[in-house]
Amino acid sequence: MRVLVVEDDPTLQRGLRDALCVAGHQAIVAGDGHHADTLLAAELFDLVVLDLGLPHLDGLALLERLRRRRRTTPVLILSARDRTEDRVKGLDTGADDYMSKPFELSEFEARVRALLRRGQGASRELGELEWCLESRQGRVGGANLLLSEHETTILECLLHVPGRIVGKADGTCASARPCGCCRRRQPGRGLRSPAAEETLARGPGDSHRAGGGLRAP
């Protein structure tokens, strides 16, 4: 799973990143609100861990922008603002969970697991494509999309970074740990459809990009 950690404290940022990587996730970090907003506008994440007291753009303002884009990405606020009114405001703004600092790492890890479980049945949309993350099946214009295992893996990687070209080397995170979409394998997905060639538009140098003309079989 891809998790965006938005935290300006370098020590806490490294600790959260390391804990998430140990748990098998791909952790991307942002140290200020503007950087995080740029990432959230361009890429898709399975979870956002969000501090509120951020430079350049406050965490609540960042959360409001995310929800205005109609992104349903689960958000876990991790903040030193521990008053009841702060927690209520964070949840009402669109957060799915709220933890106050200081916190126990074991509780943080449990909350991350819970939020990721809730999001496993979610779907991703790109143009006419609707993709269910749990079943790893999709529809284009209401018609079922049949892909091989290899095509399914590529498509899931592309959906995380819509509009960008993805090469073979981009299937793993910086720690050389395979990202979640490349680790999962599901036997028996050997069907190939004419829509596959339209869905997976090849770019130069053994790379792929999302956003080519999608058609139903």
Protein backbone atom coordinates (compact mmCIF):
# COMPACT_ATOMS: atom_id res chain seq x y z
CA MET A 1 0.00 0.00 0.00
CA ARG A 2 1.17 3.57 -0.75
CA VAL A 3 1.08 5.82 2.31
CA LEU A 4 1.81 9.55 2.23
CA VAL A 5 3.33 10.84 5.48
CA VAL A 6 2.89 14.61 5.84
CA GLU A 7 5.06 15.64 8.79
CA ASP A 8 7.54 18.50 9.21
CA ASP A 9 9.51 17.05 12.14
CA PRO A 10 12.45 15.13 10.56
CA THR A 11 12.84 12.68 13.43
CA LEU A 12 9.16 11.75 13.57
CA GLN A 13 9.02 11.68 9.77
CA ARG A 14 11.81 9.10 9.62
CA GLY A 15 10.27 7.03 12.42
CA LEU A 16 6.86 6.87 10.73
CA ARG A 17 8.40 6.07 7.36
CA ASP A 18 10.51 3.27 8.80
CA ALA A 19 7.57 1.77 10.71
CA LEU A 20 5.42 1.76 7.57
CA CYS A 21 8.18 0.22 5.45
CA VAL A 22 8.72 -2.54 8.02
CA ALA A 23 5.00 -3.27 7.79
CA GLY A 24 5.41 -3.75 4.02
CA HIS A 25 4.05 -0.42 2.79
CA GLN A 26 5.57 2.11 0.42
CA ALA A 27 5.98 5.32 2.42
CA ILE A 28 6.33 8.67 0.64
CA VAL A 29 7.13 11.69 2.83
CA ALA A 30 6.34 15.40 2.52
CA GLY A 31 7.63 18.01 4.95
CA ASP A 32 5.25 20.88 4.17
CA GLY A 33 1.69 21.45 3.06
CA HIS A 34 2.45 22.70 -0.44
CA HIS A 35 4.61 19.68 -1.28
CA ALA A 36 1.92 17.35 0.05
CA ASP A 37 -0.79 19.15 -1.93
CA THR A 38 1.23 18.75 -5.14
CA LEU A 39 1.66 15.02 -4.51
CA LEU A 40 -2.02 14.52 -3.67
CA ALA A 41 -3.11 16.36 -6.82
CA ALA A 42 -0.86 14.26 -9.08
CA GLU A 43 -0.84 10.80 -7.48
CA LEU A 44 -3.12 8.36 -5.67
CA PHE A 45 -2.43 7.01 -2.20
CA ASP A 46 -4.06 4.33 -0.06
CA LEU A 47 -3.66 6.38 3.13
CA VAL A 48 -2.50 9.82 4.25
CA VAL A 49 -0.92 10.37 7.68
CA LEU A 50 -1.36 14.09 8.27
CA ASP A 51 0.14 16.53 10.77
CA LEU A 52 -1.79 19.78 11.22
CA GLY A 53 0.92 22.29 12.14
CA LEU A 54 2.63 22.35 8.75
CA PRO A 55 4.68 25.11 7.10
CA HIS A 56 3.29 26.92 4.04
CA LEU A 57 -0.13 25.22 4.14
CA ASP A 58 -1.94 24.11 7.30
CA GLY A 59 -3.01 20.48 7.57
CA LEU A 60 -6.72 21.32 7.77
CA ALA A 61 -6.49 23.49 4.64
CA LEU A 62 -4.69 20.62 2.89
CA LEU A 63 -7.43 18.22 3.95
CA GLU A 64 -10.12 20.59 2.66
CA ARG A 65 -8.39 20.73 -0.74
CA LEU A 66 -8.19 16.95 -0.87
CA ARG A 67 -11.91 16.54 -0.18
CA ARG A 68 -12.84 19.30 -2.66
CA ARG A 69 -11.16 17.15 -5.33
CA ARG A 70 -13.60 14.41 -4.28
CA ARG A 71 -10.75 12.17 -3.22
CA THR A 72 -11.91 9.59 -0.68
CA THR A 73 -8.40 8.58 0.42
CA PRO A 74 -8.45 7.66 4.14
CA VAL A 75 -6.74 10.32 6.28
CA LEU A 76 -5.27 9.77 9.75
CA ILE A 77 -4.52 13.04 11.54
CA LEU A 78 -1.50 12.89 13.83
CA SER A 79 -1.28 16.14 15.77
CA ALA A 80 -0.25 17.77 19.04
CA ARG A 81 -3.58 19.60 19.01
CA ASP A 82 -5.35 17.40 21.53
CA ARG A 83 -8.39 19.43 22.60
CA THR A 84 -11.81 17.96 21.96
CA GLU A 85 -12.73 20.82 19.64
CA ASP A 86 -9.57 20.18 17.58
CA ARG A 87 -10.46 16.51 17.14
CA VAL A 88 -14.04 17.36 16.21
CA LYS A 89 -12.90 19.96 13.66
CA GLY A 90 -10.43 17.53 12.10
CA LEU A 91 -13.02 14.78 11.74
CA ASP A 92 -15.68 17.19 10.45
CA THR A 93 -13.23 18.53 7.86
CA GLY A 94 -12.87 15.04 6.41
CA ALA A 95 -10.39 13.01 8.45
CA ASP A 96 -11.20 9.34 9.05
CA ASP A 97 -9.28 9.08 12.33
CA TYR A 98 -7.44 11.38 14.76
CA MET A 99 -4.50 10.61 17.06
CA SER A 100 -2.93 13.05 19.50
CA LYS A 101 0.83 13.36 20.02
CA PRO A 102 2.62 11.83 21.85
CA PHE A 103 1.37 8.38 20.85
CA GLU A 104 2.31 4.73 21.11
CA LEU A 105 3.70 3.24 17.91
CA SER A 106 1.70 0.03 18.37
CA GLU A 107 -1.55 2.01 18.44
CA PHE A 108 -0.51 3.98 15.36
CA GLU A 109 0.20 0.73 13.49
CA ALA A 110 -3.17 -0.72 14.53
CA ARG A 111 -5.03 2.37 13.32
CA VAL A 112 -3.17 2.25 10.00
CA ARG A 113 -4.17 -1.40 9.55
CA ALA A 114 -7.80 -0.58 10.35
CA LEU A 115 -7.97 2.31 7.89
CA LEU A 116 -6.33 0.29 5.13
CA ARG A 117 -8.80 -2.55 5.69
CA ARG A 118 -11.70 -0.14 5.25
CA GLY A 119 -10.27 1.11 1.98
CA GLN A 120 -9.60 -2.30 0.43
CA GLY A 121 -13.04 -2.46 -1.13
CA ALA A 122 -12.72 1.00 -2.61
CA SER A 123 -12.55 1.64 -6.33
CA ARG A 124 -10.38 3.84 -8.52
CA GLU A 125 -11.67 5.73 -11.53
CA LEU A 126 -9.82 6.98 -14.61
CA GLY A 127 -11.98 8.25 -17.44
CA GLU A 128 -14.47 5.48 -18.21
CA LEU A 129 -12.46 2.92 -16.24
CA GLU A 130 -13.72 1.77 -12.83
CA TRP A 131 -11.31 -0.50 -10.93
CA CYS A 132 -12.08 -2.40 -7.72
CA LEU A 133 -8.97 -2.72 -5.57
CA GLU A 134 -10.23 -5.73 -3.60
CA SER A 135 -11.41 -7.93 -6.47
CA ARG A 136 -8.81 -6.58 -8.94
CA GLN A 137 -11.50 -6.38 -11.62
CA GLY A 138 -12.62 -3.45 -13.70
CA ARG A 139 -15.29 -2.12 -16.02
CA VAL A 140 -15.03 0.27 -18.95
CA GLY A 141 -18.23 2.03 -19.93
CA GLY A 142 -20.19 -0.54 -17.91
CA ALA A 143 -18.62 -3.57 -19.65
CA ASN A 144 -16.30 -5.99 -17.85
CA LEU A 145 -12.59 -5.56 -18.58
CA LEU A 146 -10.63 -8.82 -18.89
CA LEU A 147 -6.87 -8.54 -18.37
CA SER A 148 -4.01 -10.96 -17.94
CA GLU A 149 -2.14 -11.08 -14.61
CA HIS A 150 0.72 -9.04 -16.08
CA GLU A 151 -1.66 -6.40 -17.45
CA THR A 152 -3.51 -6.26 -14.13
CA THR A 153 -0.27 -5.57 -12.25
CA ILE A 154 0.73 -2.82 -14.69
CA LEU A 155 -2.70 -1.20 -14.55
CA GLU A 156 -2.69 -1.10 -10.74
CA CYS A 157 0.71 0.61 -10.77
CA LEU A 158 -0.49 3.12 -13.36
CA LEU A 159 -3.58 3.98 -11.34
CA HIS A 160 -1.36 5.20 -8.52
CA VAL A 161 0.26 7.82 -10.76
CA PRO A 162 -2.32 8.78 -13.43
CA GLY A 163 -0.96 10.68 -16.40
CA ARG A 164 2.67 9.81 -15.71
CA ILE A 165 4.91 7.43 -17.67
CA VAL A 166 5.96 4.43 -15.57
CA GLY A 167 9.01 2.35 -16.50
CA LYS A 168 10.02 -1.10 -15.31
CA ALA A 169 12.21 0.36 -12.55
CA ASP A 170 9.22 2.18 -11.03
CA GLY A 171 7.60 -1.03 -9.80
CA THR A 172 9.60 -0.92 -6.59
CA CYS A 173 9.92 1.76 -3.93
CA ALA A 174 13.13 3.50 -2.95
CA SER A 175 13.94 0.89 -0.32
CA ALA A 176 13.98 -1.83 -3.01
CA ARG A 177 10.94 -3.37 -1.31
CA PRO A 178 8.30 -4.27 -3.94
CA CYS A 179 5.29 -2.00 -3.70
CA GLY A 180 1.96 -3.56 -2.80
CA CYS A 181 0.50 -3.55 -6.28
CA CYS A 182 3.55 -5.42 -7.64
CA ARG A 183 3.73 -7.93 -4.79
CA ARG A 184 0.18 -9.20 -5.11
CA ARG A 185 -0.38 -12.14 -7.41
CA GLN A 186 -3.62 -13.82 -8.28
CA PRO A 187 -3.56 -17.13 -10.21
CA GLY A 188 -5.80 -17.92 -13.11
CA ARG A 189 -5.98 -14.45 -14.67
CA GLY A 190 -4.81 -15.45 -18.14
CA LEU A 191 -7.61 -13.86 -20.16
CA ARG A 192 -6.72 -11.13 -22.60
CA SER A 193 -9.17 -8.70 -24.14
CA PRO A 194 -8.98 -6.30 -27.07
CA ALA A 195 -9.49 -3.48 -24.55
CA ALA A 196 -6.17 -4.33 -22.89
CA GLU A 197 -4.19 -2.77 -25.72
CA GLU A 198 -6.24 0.41 -25.44
CA THR A 199 -6.07 0.50 -21.63
CA LEU A 200 -2.31 -0.04 -21.39
CA ALA A 201 -0.89 2.53 -23.79
CA ARG A 202 2.78 1.82 -24.29
CA GLY A 203 5.36 4.57 -24.23
CA PRO A 204 8.99 4.41 -25.37
CA GLY A 205 11.63 2.37 -23.54
CA ASP A 206 9.46 -0.43 -22.15
CA SER A 207 7.33 2.06 -20.27
CA HIS A 208 3.60 2.50 -19.91
CA ARG A 209 1.26 5.36 -19.19
CA ALA A 210 -2.33 5.59 -18.05
CA GLY A 211 -4.89 7.64 -19.88
CA GLY A 212 -4.91 6.18 -23.38
CA GLY A 213 -8.30 5.75 -24.99
CA LEU A 214 -10.22 3.22 -22.89
CA ARG A 215 -12.69 0.97 -24.64
CA ALA A 216 -14.89 -1.88 -23.57
CA PRO A 217 -14.29 -5.30 -25.13
